[in-house]
């Protein structure tokens, strides 16, 4: 028999369990029964909180997006630029650790699910805009600048997903430092090259 939990705690538990099941099986192959089994509750309990599988999948994505929005405090990022945990890389790694399966679902899987592709597109576009702002006018050629921003977004999120797959949480700070070094070094090389290149418009 399932332990009785307050509704908010039960909801959070179901979101975590659903994220794990959706990552393993995909949206179509996952049933509410699968989520119930993962959570150790009855299907009725799942349906009391989430009327449909679509609502549950959306709740998983929303949990990651809400945490990301709350964690990305631009003022703090600008105030503490030397603290790796207050960089966008550190913030995203923190979000990923709090929602490992939800993070994978958002950045690896949602774009391939017809009902959630639009959300993935919007999130990618917003992340690209953030990267464009960080790049500023350091790369004049608009085509190359957009490509650079999209590449940084893709590299950051897939690198974090790979670390979630294979890494040791105790070594997160080490990986954070490596990611920061590699992304900053890449941008510096791109900017230096752009200064000696003629933009093609």
C-alpha atoms as a PDB file:
ATOM      1  CA  UNK A   1       0.000   0.000   0.000  1.00  0.00           C
ATOM      2  CA  UNK A   2       1.322   3.444  -0.976  1.00  0.00           C
ATOM      3  CA  UNK A   3       2.399   5.805   1.781  1.00  0.00           C
ATOM      4  CA  UNK A   4      -0.013   8.699   2.105  1.00  0.00           C
ATOM      5  CA  UNK A   5       1.697  11.942   1.100  1.00  0.00           C
ATOM      6  CA  UNK A   6       0.511  15.553   0.956  1.00  0.00           C
ATOM      7  CA  UNK A   7      -0.711  16.377  -2.547  1.00  0.00           C
ATOM      8  CA  UNK A   8       2.300  18.604  -3.383  1.00  0.00           C
ATOM      9  CA  UNK A   9       4.764  15.922  -2.323  1.00  0.00           C
ATOM     10  CA  UNK A  10       2.883  13.250  -4.236  1.00  0.00           C
ATOM     11  CA  UNK A  11       2.789  15.449  -7.314  1.00  0.00           C
ATOM     12  CA  UNK A  12       6.551  16.044  -7.137  1.00  0.00           C
ATOM     13  CA  UNK A  13       7.145  12.301  -6.700  1.00  0.00           C
ATOM     14  CA  UNK A  14       5.008  11.471  -9.734  1.00  0.00           C
ATOM     15  CA  UNK A  15       6.825  14.056 -11.833  1.00  0.00           C
ATOM     16  CA  UNK A  16      10.198  12.541 -10.901  1.00  0.00           C
ATOM     17  CA  UNK A  17       9.032   9.001 -11.598  1.00  0.00           C
ATOM     18  CA  UNK A  18       7.334   9.982 -14.854  1.00  0.00           C
ATOM     19  CA  UNK A  19      10.517  11.661 -16.058  1.00  0.00           C
ATOM     20  CA  UNK A  20      12.466   8.430 -15.538  1.00  0.00           C
ATOM     21  CA  UNK A  21       9.843   6.317 -17.316  1.00  0.00           C
ATOM     22  CA  UNK A  22       9.433   8.724 -20.248  1.00  0.00           C
ATOM     23  CA  UNK A  23      13.193   8.878 -20.772  1.00  0.00           C
ATOM     24  CA  UNK A  24      13.379   5.082 -20.891  1.00  0.00           C
ATOM     25  CA  UNK A  25      10.354   4.396 -23.062  1.00  0.00           C
ATOM     26  CA  UNK A  26       9.328   7.558 -24.855  1.00  0.00           C
ATOM     27  CA  UNK A  27       5.911   9.168 -24.768  1.00  0.00           C
ATOM     28  CA  UNK A  28       3.959   6.712 -26.923  1.00  0.00           C
ATOM     29  CA  UNK A  29       5.332   3.563 -25.301  1.00  0.00           C
ATOM     30  CA  UNK A  30       4.785   4.814 -21.743  1.00  0.00           C
ATOM     31  CA  UNK A  31       1.461   4.334 -19.967  1.00  0.00           C
ATOM     32  CA  UNK A  32       0.069   5.819 -16.796  1.00  0.00           C
ATOM     33  CA  UNK A  33       0.306   2.298 -15.361  1.00  0.00           C
ATOM     34  CA  UNK A  34       4.066   2.414 -15.977  1.00  0.00           C
ATOM     35  CA  UNK A  35       4.298   5.661 -14.043  1.00  0.00           C
ATOM     36  CA  UNK A  36       2.161   4.254 -11.228  1.00  0.00           C
ATOM     37  CA  UNK A  37       4.406   1.193 -10.945  1.00  0.00           C
ATOM     38  CA  UNK A  38       7.531   3.356 -10.902  1.00  0.00           C
ATOM     39  CA  UNK A  39       6.039   5.458  -8.097  1.00  0.00           C
ATOM     40  CA  UNK A  40       4.635   2.469  -6.181  1.00  0.00           C
ATOM     41  CA  UNK A  41       1.080   3.796  -6.298  1.00  0.00           C
ATOM     42  CA  UNK A  42      -2.158   2.921  -8.051  1.00  0.00           C
ATOM     43  CA  UNK A  43      -3.125   4.311 -11.423  1.00  0.00           C
ATOM     44  CA  UNK A  44      -6.069   6.045  -9.720  1.00  0.00           C
ATOM     45  CA  UNK A  45      -3.662   8.132  -7.616  1.00  0.00           C
ATOM     46  CA  UNK A  46      -1.831   9.228 -10.763  1.00  0.00           C
ATOM     47  CA  UNK A  47      -5.087  10.227 -12.485  1.00  0.00           C
ATOM     48  CA  UNK A  48      -6.274  12.148  -9.434  1.00  0.00           C
ATOM     49  CA  UNK A  49      -3.364  14.555  -9.937  1.00  0.00           C
ATOM     50  CA  UNK A  50      -2.761  14.339 -13.691  1.00  0.00           C
ATOM     51  CA  UNK A  51      -5.870  13.923 -15.879  1.00  0.00           C
ATOM     52  CA  UNK A  52      -3.844  12.699 -18.871  1.00  0.00           C
ATOM     53  CA  UNK A  53      -0.448  11.442 -19.933  1.00  0.00           C
ATOM     54  CA  UNK A  54       0.029  14.687 -21.860  1.00  0.00           C
ATOM     55  CA  UNK A  55      -0.490  16.679 -18.651  1.00  0.00           C
ATOM     56  CA  UNK A  56       2.086  14.539 -16.884  1.00  0.00           C
ATOM     57  CA  UNK A  57       4.711  14.904 -19.626  1.00  0.00           C
ATOM     58  CA  UNK A  58       4.092  18.648 -19.676  1.00  0.00           C
ATOM     59  CA  UNK A  59       4.523  18.780 -15.890  1.00  0.00           C
ATOM     60  CA  UNK A  60       7.945  17.135 -16.217  1.00  0.00           C
ATOM     61  CA  UNK A  61       9.071  19.751 -18.734  1.00  0.00           C
ATOM     62  CA  UNK A  62       7.566  22.578 -16.683  1.00  0.00           C
ATOM     63  CA  UNK A  63       9.432  21.476 -13.555  1.00  0.00           C
ATOM     64  CA  UNK A  64      12.747  21.909 -15.398  1.00  0.00           C
ATOM     65  CA  UNK A  65      11.708  25.172 -17.049  1.00  0.00           C
ATOM     66  CA  UNK A  66      10.430  26.753 -13.839  1.00  0.00           C
ATOM     67  CA  UNK A  67      13.585  25.789 -11.935  1.00  0.00           C
ATOM     68  CA  UNK A  68      15.719  27.148 -14.793  1.00  0.00           C
ATOM     69  CA  UNK A  69      13.827  30.456 -14.868  1.00  0.00           C
ATOM     70  CA  UNK A  70      14.215  30.856 -11.105  1.00  0.00           C
ATOM     71  CA  UNK A  71      17.897  29.860 -11.148  1.00  0.00           C
ATOM     72  CA  UNK A  72      18.961  32.118 -14.016  1.00  0.00           C
ATOM     73  CA  UNK A  73      19.233  35.405 -12.163  1.00  0.00           C
ATOM     74  CA  UNK A  74      20.993  37.643 -14.688  1.00  0.00           C
ATOM     75  CA  UNK A  75      21.840  40.213 -12.016  1.00  0.00           C
ATOM     76  CA  UNK A  76      23.632  37.606  -9.921  1.00  0.00           C
ATOM     77  CA  UNK A  77      25.413  36.194 -12.973  1.00  0.00           C
ATOM     78  CA  UNK A  78      26.729  39.682 -13.725  1.00  0.00           C
ATOM     79  CA  UNK A  79      27.611  40.395 -10.075  1.00  0.00           C
ATOM     80  CA  UNK A  80      29.585  37.200  -9.444  1.00  0.00           C
ATOM     81  CA  UNK A  81      31.210  36.411 -12.819  1.00  0.00           C
ATOM     82  CA  UNK A  82      34.184  34.687 -11.161  1.00  0.00           C
ATOM     83  CA  UNK A  83      32.096  32.192  -9.173  1.00  0.00           C
ATOM     84  CA  UNK A  84      31.694  29.169 -11.489  1.00  0.00           C
ATOM     85  CA  UNK A  85      28.422  28.210  -9.805  1.00  0.00           C
ATOM     86  CA  UNK A  86      26.966  31.600 -10.750  1.00  0.00           C
ATOM     87  CA  UNK A  87      27.818  31.259 -14.440  1.00  0.00           C
ATOM     88  CA  UNK A  88      25.169  30.018 -16.833  1.00  0.00           C
ATOM     89  CA  UNK A  89      27.129  26.750 -17.064  1.00  0.00           C
ATOM     90  CA  UNK A  90      27.046  26.290 -13.296  1.00  0.00           C
ATOM     91  CA  UNK A  91      23.373  27.194 -13.106  1.00  0.00           C
ATOM     92  CA  UNK A  92      22.422  24.689 -15.823  1.00  0.00           C
ATOM     93  CA  UNK A  93      24.461  21.917 -14.205  1.00  0.00           C
ATOM     94  CA  UNK A  94      22.637  22.620 -10.949  1.00  0.00           C
ATOM     95  CA  UNK A  95      19.245  22.408 -12.649  1.00  0.00           C
ATOM     96  CA  UNK A  96      20.291  19.160 -14.309  1.00  0.00           C
ATOM     97  CA  UNK A  97      21.305  17.637 -10.977  1.00  0.00           C
ATOM     98  CA  UNK A  98      17.960  18.565  -9.429  1.00  0.00           C
ATOM     99  CA  UNK A  99      15.994  17.169 -12.406  1.00  0.00           C
ATOM    100  CA  UNK A 100      18.281  14.658 -14.137  1.00  0.00           C
ATOM    101  CA  UNK A 101      15.666  12.768 -16.130  1.00  0.00           C
ATOM    102  CA  UNK A 102      13.550  15.849 -16.740  1.00  0.00           C
ATOM    103  CA  UNK A 103      16.627  17.655 -18.080  1.00  0.00           C
ATOM    104  CA  UNK A 104      17.336  14.775 -20.461  1.00  0.00           C
ATOM    105  CA  UNK A 105      13.694  14.725 -21.511  1.00  0.00           C
ATOM    106  CA  UNK A 106      13.705  18.443 -22.308  1.00  0.00           C
ATOM    107  CA  UNK A 107      17.029  18.605 -24.126  1.00  0.00           C
ATOM    108  CA  UNK A 108      17.195  15.203 -25.820  1.00  0.00           C
ATOM    109  CA  UNK A 109      13.699  13.833 -26.288  1.00  0.00           C
ATOM    110  CA  UNK A 110      10.966  16.481 -26.376  1.00  0.00           C
ATOM    111  CA  UNK A 111      11.980  17.703 -29.840  1.00  0.00           C
ATOM    112  CA  UNK A 112      11.178  14.231 -31.206  1.00  0.00           C
ATOM    113  CA  UNK A 113       7.714  14.043 -29.632  1.00  0.00           C
ATOM    114  CA  UNK A 114       5.087  15.647 -31.931  1.00  0.00           C
ATOM    115  CA  UNK A 115       3.002  16.947 -29.046  1.00  0.00           C
ATOM    116  CA  UNK A 116       5.941  18.681 -27.370  1.00  0.00           C
ATOM    117  CA  UNK A 117       8.166  19.677 -30.290  1.00  0.00           C
ATOM    118  CA  UNK A 118       6.929  23.275 -30.145  1.00  0.00           C
ATOM    119  CA  UNK A 119       8.034  23.578 -26.532  1.00  0.00           C
ATOM    120  CA  UNK A 120      11.495  22.273 -27.390  1.00  0.00           C
ATOM    121  CA  UNK A 121      11.760  24.750 -30.273  1.00  0.00           C
ATOM    122  CA  UNK A 122      10.769  27.688 -28.051  1.00  0.00           C
ATOM    123  CA  UNK A 123      13.222  26.656 -25.313  1.00  0.00           C
ATOM    124  CA  UNK A 124      16.051  26.272 -27.824  1.00  0.00           C
ATOM    125  CA  UNK A 125      15.250  29.672 -29.340  1.00  0.00           C
ATOM    126  CA  UNK A 126      15.236  31.349 -25.914  1.00  0.00           C
ATOM    127  CA  UNK A 127      18.559  29.705 -25.017  1.00  0.00           C
ATOM    128  CA  UNK A 128      20.034  30.808 -28.337  1.00  0.00           C
ATOM    129  CA  UNK A 129      18.925  34.398 -27.672  1.00  0.00           C
ATOM    130  CA  UNK A 130      20.645  34.233 -24.284  1.00  0.00           C
ATOM    131  CA  UNK A 131      23.838  33.001 -25.972  1.00  0.00           C
ATOM    132  CA  UNK A 132      23.584  35.735 -28.603  1.00  0.00           C
ATOM    133  CA  UNK A 133      23.381  38.331 -25.829  1.00  0.00           C
ATOM    134  CA  UNK A 134      26.476  36.869 -24.185  1.00  0.00           C
ATOM    135  CA  UNK A 135      28.366  36.967 -27.495  1.00  0.00           C
ATOM    136  CA  UNK A 136      27.336  40.580 -28.001  1.00  0.00           C
ATOM    137  CA  UNK A 137      28.950  42.076 -31.097  1.00  0.00           C
ATOM    138  CA  UNK A 138      32.132  40.027 -30.817  1.00  0.00           C
ATOM    139  CA  UNK A 139      31.266  38.218 -34.060  1.00  0.00           C
ATOM    140  CA  UNK A 140      30.002  40.646 -36.700  1.00  0.00           C
ATOM    141  CA  UNK A 141      28.858  38.189 -39.346  1.00  0.00           C
ATOM    142  CA  UNK A 142      25.191  37.441 -38.419  1.00  0.00           C
ATOM    143  CA  UNK A 143      25.265  33.963 -39.952  1.00  0.00           C
ATOM    144  CA  UNK A 144      28.389  32.968 -38.053  1.00  0.00           C
ATOM    145  CA  UNK A 145      27.136  34.630 -34.871  1.00  0.00           C
ATOM    146  CA  UNK A 146      23.879  32.648 -34.935  1.00  0.00           C
ATOM    147  CA  UNK A 147      25.770  29.431 -35.655  1.00  0.00           C
ATOM    148  CA  UNK A 148      28.141  30.144 -32.773  1.00  0.00           C
ATOM    149  CA  UNK A 149      25.258  30.753 -30.359  1.00  0.00           C
ATOM    150  CA  UNK A 150      23.417  27.584 -31.430  1.00  0.00           C
ATOM    151  CA  UNK A 151      26.643  25.579 -31.172  1.00  0.00           C
ATOM    152  CA  UNK A 152      27.302  26.827 -27.641  1.00  0.00           C
ATOM    153  CA  UNK A 153      23.764  25.911 -26.567  1.00  0.00           C
ATOM    154  CA  UNK A 154      23.997  22.436 -28.116  1.00  0.00           C
ATOM    155  CA  UNK A 155      27.451  21.763 -26.659  1.00  0.00           C
ATOM    156  CA  UNK A 156      26.506  22.908 -23.166  1.00  0.00           C
ATOM    157  CA  UNK A 157      23.322  20.900 -22.827  1.00  0.00           C
ATOM    158  CA  UNK A 158      24.550  17.721 -24.473  1.00  0.00           C
ATOM    159  CA  UNK A 159      27.764  17.834 -22.417  1.00  0.00           C
ATOM    160  CA  UNK A 160      25.679  18.067 -19.259  1.00  0.00           C
ATOM    161  CA  UNK A 161      23.442  15.194 -20.416  1.00  0.00           C
ATOM    162  CA  UNK A 162      26.505  13.036 -21.072  1.00  0.00           C
ATOM    163  CA  UNK A 163      27.807  13.810 -17.576  1.00  0.00           C
ATOM    164  CA  UNK A 164      24.416  12.878 -16.111  1.00  0.00           C
ATOM    165  CA  UNK A 165      24.664   9.569 -18.003  1.00  0.00           C
ATOM    166  CA  UNK A 166      28.174   8.599 -16.987  1.00  0.00           C
ATOM    167  CA  UNK A 167      29.569  10.986 -14.400  1.00  0.00           C
ATOM    168  CA  UNK A 168      30.044  11.029 -10.650  1.00  0.00           C
ATOM    169  CA  UNK A 169      28.125  13.860  -8.910  1.00  0.00           C
ATOM    170  CA  UNK A 170      31.038  14.233  -6.509  1.00  0.00           C
ATOM    171  CA  UNK A 171      33.125  15.453  -9.466  1.00  0.00           C
ATOM    172  CA  UNK A 172      30.627  18.045 -10.727  1.00  0.00           C
ATOM    173  CA  UNK A 173      32.923  20.945  -9.809  1.00  0.00           C
ATOM    174  CA  UNK A 174      35.716  19.420 -11.864  1.00  0.00           C
ATOM    175  CA  UNK A 175      33.453  19.048 -14.881  1.00  0.00           C
ATOM    176  CA  UNK A 176      32.084  22.550 -14.367  1.00  0.00           C
ATOM    177  CA  UNK A 177      35.608  23.961 -14.516  1.00  0.00           C
ATOM    178  CA  UNK A 178      36.411  21.942 -17.645  1.00  0.00           C
ATOM    179  CA  UNK A 179      33.212  23.021 -19.386  1.00  0.00           C
ATOM    180  CA  UNK A 180      33.818  26.671 -18.557  1.00  0.00           C
ATOM    181  CA  UNK A 181      37.413  26.483 -19.821  1.00  0.00           C
ATOM    182  CA  UNK A 182      36.413  24.767 -23.045  1.00  0.00           C
ATOM    183  CA  UNK A 183      33.471  27.061 -23.851  1.00  0.00           C
ATOM    184  CA  UNK A 184      35.367  30.241 -23.004  1.00  0.00           C
ATOM    185  CA  UNK A 185      38.392  29.048 -24.966  1.00  0.00           C
ATOM    186  CA  UNK A 186      36.222  28.203 -27.946  1.00  0.00           C
ATOM    187  CA  UNK A 187      34.558  31.620 -27.941  1.00  0.00           C
ATOM    188  CA  UNK A 188      37.929  33.366 -27.639  1.00  0.00           C
ATOM    189  CA  UNK A 189      39.268  31.473 -30.661  1.00  0.00           C
ATOM    190  CA  UNK A 190      36.128  32.169 -32.687  1.00  0.00           C
ATOM    191  CA  UNK A 191      36.279  35.872 -31.854  1.00  0.00           C
ATOM    192  CA  UNK A 192      39.978  36.077 -32.725  1.00  0.00           C
ATOM    193  CA  UNK A 193      39.341  34.358 -36.055  1.00  0.00           C
ATOM    194  CA  UNK A 194      36.365  36.609 -36.795  1.00  0.00           C
ATOM    195  CA  UNK A 195      38.574  39.689 -36.443  1.00  0.00           C
ATOM    196  CA  UNK A 196      40.720  38.493 -39.323  1.00  0.00           C
ATOM    197  CA  UNK A 197      37.888  37.257 -41.521  1.00  0.00           C
ATOM    198  CA  UNK A 198      35.751  39.183 -43.943  1.00  0.00           C
ATOM    199  CA  UNK A 199      32.052  38.621 -43.240  1.00  0.00           C
ATOM    200  CA  UNK A 200      30.072  37.217 -46.095  1.00  0.00           C
ATOM    201  CA  UNK A 201      26.609  38.735 -46.191  1.00  0.00           C
END
